Amino acid sequence: MDDTPMTPIEYYDSLIGTAIKAGDKDMLSLFRLVKSEMTKQLKDKGSLDQQSVYKTMKKHLLEEIDGLEKAGRDVIVQKKHLAWIEEQLPAPVSEEQIRLAVKEYVLDYPDTNIGKIMGHLKLIFTGKTLDMSLANKIAKEALEQ
């Protein structure tokens, strides 16, 4: 038995096969789309950042849901897709975590500025979903004190 881990593309091939066997047309369309987006990114950039694919897809789904709801149309499938995509993304950094990190940084470096704080936040929360507008707001508040 081969112990080589699956590539993301192979993983989505297996999900596509499972969805076909289960007759789940909704998830089949999502898995095919994700695989297509990942293949496209791999071809265009020469590397794959799964999180950026998921974030882009989340953004598009939110826009699609908004448009369909405004038109009075059903969004059950899109919400199902969105829930699955959100499960693939890391949990967002909480406001409390951001406040604590900013507070500690400002205490350690009292002569700091907004750029240095934001750079520090990006560094310590690498790989996590950081709300940059919230982080910026908290950093500004800390500098005003």
N, C-alpha and C. Protein backbone atom coordinates (compact mmCIF):
# COMPACT_ATOMS: atom_id res chain seq x y z
N MET A 1 0.84 -1.18 0.00
CA MET A 1 0.00 0.00 0.00
C MET A 1 0.88 1.25 0.00
N ASP A 2 0.54 2.21 -0.79
CA ASP A 2 1.32 3.44 -0.95
C ASP A 2 0.98 4.42 0.18
N ASP A 3 1.99 4.86 0.92
CA ASP A 3 1.78 5.80 2.03
C ASP A 3 1.95 7.25 1.61
N THR A 4 2.11 7.51 0.32
CA THR A 4 2.27 8.87 -0.17
C THR A 4 0.98 9.63 0.04
N PRO A 5 1.05 10.80 0.71
CA PRO A 5 -0.19 11.57 0.93
C PRO A 5 -0.76 12.06 -0.40
N MET A 6 -2.09 12.19 -0.41
CA MET A 6 -2.77 12.69 -1.60
C MET A 6 -2.48 14.16 -1.81
N THR A 7 -2.36 14.54 -3.07
CA THR A 7 -2.29 15.97 -3.38
C THR A 7 -3.71 16.53 -3.24
N PRO A 8 -3.86 17.84 -3.12
CA PRO A 8 -5.20 18.42 -3.06
C PRO A 8 -6.06 18.05 -4.27
N ILE A 9 -5.45 17.99 -5.45
CA ILE A 9 -6.19 17.64 -6.67
C ILE A 9 -6.69 16.20 -6.56
N GLU A 10 -5.83 15.30 -6.09
CA GLU A 10 -6.24 13.90 -5.90
C GLU A 10 -7.34 13.79 -4.85
N TYR A 11 -7.23 14.60 -3.81
CA TYR A 11 -8.25 14.61 -2.77
C TYR A 11 -9.61 14.98 -3.35
N TYR A 12 -9.62 16.01 -4.19
CA TYR A 12 -10.89 16.43 -4.79
C TYR A 12 -11.37 15.41 -5.81
N ASP A 13 -10.47 14.71 -6.47
CA ASP A 13 -10.89 13.61 -7.34
C ASP A 13 -11.64 12.55 -6.53
N SER A 14 -11.12 12.26 -5.33
CA SER A 14 -11.78 11.25 -4.49
C SER A 14 -13.13 11.76 -3.98
N LEU A 15 -13.21 13.05 -3.64
CA LEU A 15 -14.49 13.62 -3.22
C LEU A 15 -15.51 13.61 -4.36
N ILE A 16 -15.03 13.89 -5.56
CA ILE A 16 -15.90 13.86 -6.74
C ILE A 16 -16.45 12.44 -6.93
N GLY A 17 -15.59 11.43 -6.82
CA GLY A 17 -16.02 10.04 -6.94
C GLY A 17 -17.05 9.66 -5.90
N THR A 18 -16.81 10.11 -4.66
CA THR A 18 -17.75 9.82 -3.58
C THR A 18 -19.10 10.49 -3.83
N ALA A 19 -19.07 11.74 -4.28
CA ALA A 19 -20.31 12.46 -4.56
C ALA A 19 -21.09 11.82 -5.70
N ILE A 20 -20.36 11.34 -6.71
CA ILE A 20 -21.01 10.65 -7.83
C ILE A 20 -21.71 9.38 -7.34
N LYS A 21 -20.98 8.58 -6.55
CA LYS A 21 -21.55 7.34 -6.02
C LYS A 21 -22.76 7.60 -5.13
N ALA A 22 -22.71 8.71 -4.37
CA ALA A 22 -23.81 9.06 -3.46
C ALA A 22 -24.96 9.75 -4.20
N GLY A 23 -24.72 10.15 -5.44
CA GLY A 23 -25.75 10.87 -6.19
C GLY A 23 -25.99 12.28 -5.67
N ASP A 24 -24.98 12.85 -5.04
CA ASP A 24 -25.09 14.20 -4.46
C ASP A 24 -24.65 15.24 -5.49
N LYS A 25 -25.59 15.67 -6.30
CA LYS A 25 -25.28 16.60 -7.39
C LYS A 25 -24.83 17.97 -6.86
N ASP A 26 -25.38 18.39 -5.72
CA ASP A 26 -25.00 19.69 -5.16
C ASP A 26 -23.52 19.73 -4.79
N MET A 27 -23.07 18.73 -4.03
CA MET A 27 -21.68 18.71 -3.61
C MET A 27 -20.76 18.35 -4.77
N LEU A 28 -21.25 17.54 -5.70
CA LEU A 28 -20.46 17.21 -6.89
C LEU A 28 -20.08 18.48 -7.64
N SER A 29 -21.04 19.39 -7.80
CA SER A 29 -20.74 20.64 -8.52
C SER A 29 -19.73 21.48 -7.75
N LEU A 30 -19.83 21.50 -6.42
CA LEU A 30 -18.87 22.26 -5.61
C LEU A 30 -17.48 21.65 -5.73
N PHE A 31 -17.37 20.34 -5.58
CA PHE A 31 -16.06 19.69 -5.63
C PHE A 31 -15.40 19.88 -6.99
N ARG A 32 -16.19 19.81 -8.04
CA ARG A 32 -15.64 20.03 -9.38
C ARG A 32 -15.15 21.47 -9.52
N LEU A 33 -15.89 22.41 -8.98
CA LEU A 33 -15.49 23.81 -9.06
C LEU A 33 -14.21 24.06 -8.27
N VAL A 34 -14.14 23.52 -7.05
CA VAL A 34 -12.93 23.68 -6.23
C VAL A 34 -11.73 23.09 -6.96
N LYS A 35 -11.89 21.88 -7.48
CA LYS A 35 -10.78 21.24 -8.20
C LYS A 35 -10.36 22.09 -9.39
N SER A 36 -11.33 22.62 -10.10
CA SER A 36 -11.03 23.46 -11.27
C SER A 36 -10.26 24.71 -10.87
N GLU A 37 -10.70 25.36 -9.79
CA GLU A 37 -10.02 26.58 -9.32
C GLU A 37 -8.60 26.27 -8.85
N MET A 38 -8.43 25.15 -8.17
CA MET A 38 -7.09 24.78 -7.70
C MET A 38 -6.17 24.45 -8.88
N THR A 39 -6.71 23.72 -9.85
CA THR A 39 -5.92 23.38 -11.04
C THR A 39 -5.52 24.65 -11.79
N LYS A 40 -6.46 25.58 -11.89
CA LYS A 40 -6.18 26.86 -12.58
C LYS A 40 -5.07 27.63 -11.85
N GLN A 41 -5.18 27.72 -10.52
CA GLN A 41 -4.15 28.44 -9.76
C GLN A 41 -2.80 27.76 -9.90
N LEU A 42 -2.79 26.46 -9.85
CA LEU A 42 -1.54 25.71 -9.99
C LEU A 42 -0.91 25.98 -11.35
N LYS A 43 -1.72 26.01 -12.39
CA LYS A 43 -1.23 26.26 -13.74
C LYS A 43 -0.75 27.71 -13.89
N ASP A 44 -1.54 28.66 -13.38
CA ASP A 44 -1.22 30.08 -13.54
C ASP A 44 -0.04 30.53 -12.69
N LYS A 45 0.03 30.05 -11.45
CA LYS A 45 1.05 30.53 -10.52
C LYS A 45 2.18 29.54 -10.28
N GLY A 46 1.99 28.32 -10.68
CA GLY A 46 3.02 27.31 -10.47
C GLY A 46 3.02 26.73 -9.07
N SER A 47 2.12 27.21 -8.22
CA SER A 47 1.99 26.67 -6.87
C SER A 47 0.52 26.78 -6.46
N LEU A 48 0.19 26.11 -5.37
CA LEU A 48 -1.20 26.08 -4.93
C LEU A 48 -1.31 26.60 -3.50
N ASP A 49 -2.16 27.58 -3.30
CA ASP A 49 -2.50 28.09 -1.97
C ASP A 49 -3.98 27.80 -1.77
N GLN A 50 -4.27 26.67 -1.12
CA GLN A 50 -5.65 26.24 -0.95
C GLN A 50 -6.49 27.29 -0.23
N GLN A 51 -5.89 27.93 0.78
CA GLN A 51 -6.65 28.91 1.56
C GLN A 51 -7.11 30.07 0.68
N SER A 52 -6.26 30.51 -0.24
CA SER A 52 -6.67 31.62 -1.11
C SER A 52 -7.79 31.19 -2.04
N VAL A 53 -7.77 29.94 -2.49
CA VAL A 53 -8.86 29.42 -3.31
C VAL A 53 -10.16 29.43 -2.51
N TYR A 54 -10.09 28.93 -1.27
CA TYR A 54 -11.29 28.89 -0.43
C TYR A 54 -11.81 30.30 -0.13
N LYS A 55 -10.90 31.22 0.15
CA LYS A 55 -11.32 32.60 0.45
C LYS A 55 -11.99 33.24 -0.76
N THR A 56 -11.43 33.03 -1.93
CA THR A 56 -12.01 33.57 -3.16
C THR A 56 -13.39 32.97 -3.41
N MET A 57 -13.48 31.67 -3.22
CA MET A 57 -14.77 31.00 -3.44
C MET A 57 -15.81 31.48 -2.42
N LYS A 58 -15.38 31.70 -1.19
CA LYS A 58 -16.30 32.20 -0.17
C LYS A 58 -16.83 33.57 -0.58
N LYS A 59 -15.94 34.43 -1.03
CA LYS A 59 -16.34 35.76 -1.46
C LYS A 59 -17.36 35.68 -2.60
N HIS A 60 -17.08 34.84 -3.58
CA HIS A 60 -17.99 34.69 -4.72
C HIS A 60 -19.35 34.13 -4.29
N LEU A 61 -19.31 33.16 -3.37
CA LEU A 61 -20.57 32.58 -2.89
C LEU A 61 -21.40 33.61 -2.13
N LEU A 62 -20.74 34.42 -1.31
CA LEU A 62 -21.47 35.45 -0.57
C LEU A 62 -22.13 36.44 -1.53
N GLU A 63 -21.40 36.81 -2.57
CA GLU A 63 -21.96 37.72 -3.58
C GLU A 63 -23.13 37.07 -4.32
N GLU A 64 -22.96 35.79 -4.65
CA GLU A 64 -24.03 35.07 -5.35
C GLU A 64 -25.28 34.95 -4.49
N ILE A 65 -25.09 34.62 -3.22
CA ILE A 65 -26.22 34.50 -2.28
C ILE A 65 -26.94 35.83 -2.16
N ASP A 66 -26.18 36.90 -2.02
CA ASP A 66 -26.77 38.23 -1.91
C ASP A 66 -27.62 38.55 -3.13
N GLY A 67 -27.07 38.31 -4.31
CA GLY A 67 -27.79 38.60 -5.55
C GLY A 67 -29.05 37.75 -5.70
N LEU A 68 -28.94 36.47 -5.37
CA LEU A 68 -30.10 35.59 -5.49
C LEU A 68 -31.19 35.95 -4.48
N GLU A 69 -30.77 36.30 -3.26
CA GLU A 69 -31.76 36.69 -2.25
C GLU A 69 -32.48 37.97 -2.65
N LYS A 70 -31.75 38.92 -3.20
CA LYS A 70 -32.38 40.16 -3.67
C LYS A 70 -33.37 39.90 -4.79
N ALA A 71 -33.09 38.86 -5.58
CA ALA A 71 -33.99 38.50 -6.69
C ALA A 71 -35.12 37.58 -6.23
N GLY A 72 -35.11 37.25 -4.92
CA GLY A 72 -36.16 36.39 -4.38
C GLY A 72 -36.01 34.93 -4.75
N ARG A 73 -34.79 34.50 -5.06
CA ARG A 73 -34.55 33.13 -5.49
C ARG A 73 -34.02 32.28 -4.34
N ASP A 74 -34.11 30.99 -4.51
CA ASP A 74 -33.67 30.00 -3.53
C ASP A 74 -32.14 29.98 -3.44
N VAL A 75 -31.61 29.91 -2.23
CA VAL A 75 -30.15 29.90 -2.02
C VAL A 75 -29.70 28.71 -1.16
N ILE A 76 -30.51 27.69 -1.08
CA ILE A 76 -30.18 26.54 -0.23
C ILE A 76 -28.86 25.89 -0.65
N VAL A 77 -28.69 25.65 -1.94
CA VAL A 77 -27.47 24.99 -2.42
C VAL A 77 -26.25 25.88 -2.17
N GLN A 78 -26.37 27.18 -2.45
CA GLN A 78 -25.25 28.09 -2.25
C GLN A 78 -24.87 28.16 -0.77
N LYS A 79 -25.86 28.15 0.12
CA LYS A 79 -25.56 28.18 1.56
C LYS A 79 -24.90 26.86 2.00
N LYS A 80 -25.29 25.77 1.40
CA LYS A 80 -24.66 24.48 1.69
C LYS A 80 -23.20 24.52 1.24
N HIS A 81 -22.97 25.06 0.06
CA HIS A 81 -21.60 25.20 -0.45
C HIS A 81 -20.78 26.12 0.45
N LEU A 82 -21.37 27.24 0.84
CA LEU A 82 -20.68 28.21 1.70
C LEU A 82 -20.29 27.58 3.03
N ALA A 83 -21.20 26.82 3.63
CA ALA A 83 -20.91 26.18 4.91
C ALA A 83 -19.72 25.22 4.76
N TRP A 84 -19.68 24.47 3.67
CA TRP A 84 -18.59 23.54 3.45
C TRP A 84 -17.27 24.28 3.25
N ILE A 85 -17.29 25.34 2.46
CA ILE A 85 -16.08 26.13 2.22
C ILE A 85 -15.58 26.73 3.54
N GLU A 86 -16.49 27.27 4.35
CA GLU A 86 -16.09 27.88 5.63
C GLU A 86 -15.44 26.86 6.55
N GLU A 87 -15.87 25.60 6.47
CA GLU A 87 -15.25 24.55 7.29
C GLU A 87 -13.80 24.30 6.89
N GLN A 88 -13.46 24.62 5.64
CA GLN A 88 -12.10 24.40 5.15
C GLN A 88 -11.15 25.51 5.58
N LEU A 89 -11.71 26.65 5.95
CA LEU A 89 -10.88 27.80 6.34
C LEU A 89 -10.55 27.74 7.83
N PRO A 90 -9.39 28.26 8.21
CA PRO A 90 -9.07 28.29 9.64
C PRO A 90 -10.02 29.23 10.37
N ALA A 91 -10.21 28.96 11.64
CA ALA A 91 -11.09 29.81 12.45
C ALA A 91 -10.52 31.23 12.48
N PRO A 92 -11.38 32.23 12.42
CA PRO A 92 -10.87 33.60 12.46
C PRO A 92 -10.27 33.94 13.83
N VAL A 93 -9.32 34.85 13.81
CA VAL A 93 -8.71 35.32 15.05
C VAL A 93 -9.76 36.18 15.76
N SER A 94 -9.96 35.92 17.04
CA SER A 94 -10.98 36.64 17.78
C SER A 94 -10.53 38.07 18.09
N GLU A 95 -11.51 38.92 18.34
CA GLU A 95 -11.22 40.31 18.71
C GLU A 95 -10.37 40.34 19.98
N GLU A 96 -10.68 39.45 20.91
CA GLU A 96 -9.92 39.39 22.17
C GLU A 96 -8.45 39.04 21.91
N GLN A 97 -8.20 38.10 21.00
CA GLN A 97 -6.82 37.73 20.67
C GLN A 97 -6.07 38.90 20.03
N ILE A 98 -6.77 39.63 19.16
CA ILE A 98 -6.14 40.78 18.51
C ILE A 98 -5.81 41.85 19.55
N ARG A 99 -6.79 42.15 20.43
CA ARG A 99 -6.57 43.17 21.46
C ARG A 99 -5.39 42.81 22.36
N LEU A 100 -5.30 41.56 22.75
CA LEU A 100 -4.21 41.11 23.62
C LEU A 100 -2.86 41.24 22.91
N ALA A 101 -2.80 40.82 21.65
CA ALA A 101 -1.55 40.91 20.89
C ALA A 101 -1.11 42.36 20.71
N VAL A 102 -2.07 43.24 20.41
CA VAL A 102 -1.75 44.66 20.24
C VAL A 102 -1.28 45.25 21.55
N LYS A 103 -1.98 44.95 22.62
CA LYS A 103 -1.62 45.48 23.94
C LYS A 103 -0.20 45.06 24.33
N GLU A 104 0.12 43.79 24.14
CA GLU A 104 1.45 43.30 24.48
C GLU A 104 2.53 43.97 23.62
N TYR A 105 2.24 44.14 22.34
CA TYR A 105 3.22 44.75 21.44
C TYR A 105 3.47 46.22 21.82
N VAL A 106 2.40 46.94 22.11
CA VAL A 106 2.54 48.35 22.47
C VAL A 106 3.27 48.49 23.81
N LEU A 107 3.04 47.56 24.73
CA LEU A 107 3.77 47.60 25.99
C LEU A 107 5.26 47.33 25.78
N ASP A 108 5.58 46.40 24.88
CA ASP A 108 6.98 46.07 24.60
C ASP A 108 7.68 47.15 23.77
N TYR A 109 6.91 47.82 22.89
CA TYR A 109 7.46 48.83 21.98
C TYR A 109 6.60 50.10 22.04
N PRO A 110 6.76 50.89 23.10
CA PRO A 110 5.89 52.06 23.29
C PRO A 110 6.01 53.12 22.19
N ASP A 111 7.13 53.19 21.49
CA ASP A 111 7.31 54.20 20.43
C ASP A 111 6.94 53.63 19.06
N THR A 112 6.02 52.70 19.03
CA THR A 112 5.67 52.03 17.78
C THR A 112 4.72 52.86 16.94
N ASN A 113 4.38 52.33 15.76
CA ASN A 113 3.40 53.00 14.89
C ASN A 113 2.45 51.94 14.31
N ILE A 114 1.44 52.40 13.60
CA ILE A 114 0.42 51.51 13.08
C ILE A 114 0.99 50.45 12.14
N GLY A 115 1.93 50.83 11.30
CA GLY A 115 2.53 49.89 10.36
C GLY A 115 3.26 48.75 11.06
N LYS A 116 4.00 49.09 12.11
CA LYS A 116 4.74 48.06 12.85
C LYS A 116 3.77 47.12 13.57
N ILE A 117 2.72 47.68 14.14
CA ILE A 117 1.73 46.84 14.83
C ILE A 117 1.07 45.88 13.85
N MET A 118 0.65 46.41 12.70
CA MET A 118 -0.03 45.58 11.70
C MET A 118 0.93 44.49 11.17
N GLY A 119 2.18 44.85 10.97
CA GLY A 119 3.17 43.87 10.53
C GLY A 119 3.34 42.76 11.55
N HIS A 120 3.37 43.15 12.83
CA HIS A 120 3.50 42.17 13.90
C HIS A 120 2.28 41.24 13.93
N LEU A 121 1.08 41.81 13.78
CA LEU A 121 -0.14 41.00 13.79
C LEU A 121 -0.14 40.00 12.63
N LYS A 122 0.25 40.47 11.46
CA LYS A 122 0.31 39.57 10.30
C LYS A 122 1.29 38.42 10.56
N LEU A 123 2.41 38.75 11.21
CA LEU A 123 3.43 37.74 11.49
C LEU A 123 2.93 36.70 12.50
N ILE A 124 2.36 37.15 13.60
CA ILE A 124 1.98 36.19 14.64
C ILE A 124 0.71 35.42 14.29
N PHE A 125 -0.10 35.96 13.39
CA PHE A 125 -1.33 35.26 13.01
C PHE A 125 -1.24 34.70 11.59
N THR A 126 -0.03 34.42 11.12
CA THR A 126 0.17 33.83 9.80
C THR A 126 -0.59 32.51 9.72
N GLY A 127 -1.31 32.34 8.61
CA GLY A 127 -2.06 31.10 8.41
C GLY A 127 -3.43 31.11 9.04
N LYS A 128 -3.76 32.18 9.74
CA LYS A 128 -5.08 32.30 10.36
C LYS A 128 -5.84 33.42 9.67
N THR A 129 -7.14 33.42 9.83
CA THR A 129 -7.97 34.44 9.21
C THR A 129 -8.01 35.65 10.14
N LEU A 130 -7.34 36.71 9.71
CA LEU A 130 -7.24 37.93 10.51
C LEU A 130 -8.05 39.03 9.83
N ASP A 131 -9.02 39.57 10.55
CA ASP A 131 -9.83 40.68 10.05
C ASP A 131 -8.97 41.94 10.14
N MET A 132 -8.41 42.34 8.99
CA MET A 132 -7.46 43.44 8.98
C MET A 132 -8.10 44.77 9.36
N SER A 133 -9.37 44.99 9.00
CA SER A 133 -10.01 46.26 9.36
C SER A 133 -10.22 46.33 10.87
N LEU A 134 -10.59 45.21 11.49
CA LEU A 134 -10.74 45.18 12.94
C LEU A 134 -9.38 45.36 13.61
N ALA A 135 -8.36 44.69 13.09
CA ALA A 135 -7.02 44.81 13.65
C ALA A 135 -6.53 46.26 13.56
N ASN A 136 -6.77 46.90 12.42
CA ASN A 136 -6.37 48.29 12.24
C ASN A 136 -7.08 49.20 13.24
N LYS A 137 -8.36 48.99 13.43
CA LYS A 137 -9.15 49.78 14.38
C LYS A 137 -8.60 49.63 15.80
N ILE A 138 -8.32 48.39 16.19
CA ILE A 138 -7.80 48.11 17.53
C ILE A 138 -6.41 48.73 17.69
N ALA A 139 -5.58 48.65 16.68
CA ALA A 139 -4.23 49.24 16.74
C ALA A 139 -4.32 50.74 16.90
N LYS A 140 -5.21 51.39 16.15
CA LYS A 140 -5.38 52.84 16.25
C LYS A 140 -5.83 53.23 17.65
N GLU A 141 -6.78 52.47 18.19
CA GLU A 141 -7.26 52.73 19.55
C GLU A 141 -6.12 52.64 20.55
N ALA A 142 -5.28 51.63 20.40
CA ALA A 142 -4.15 51.44 21.31
C ALA A 142 -3.15 52.57 21.22
N LEU A 143 -2.94 53.09 20.02
CA LEU A 143 -1.98 54.19 19.85
C LEU A 143 -2.52 55.50 20.40
N GLU A 144 -3.85 55.64 20.43
CA GLU A 144 -4.45 56.87 20.93
C GLU A 144 -4.44 56.95 22.44
N GLN A 145 -4.22 55.83 23.11
CA GLN A 145 -4.25 55.81 24.58
C GLN A 145 -2.96 56.30 25.18
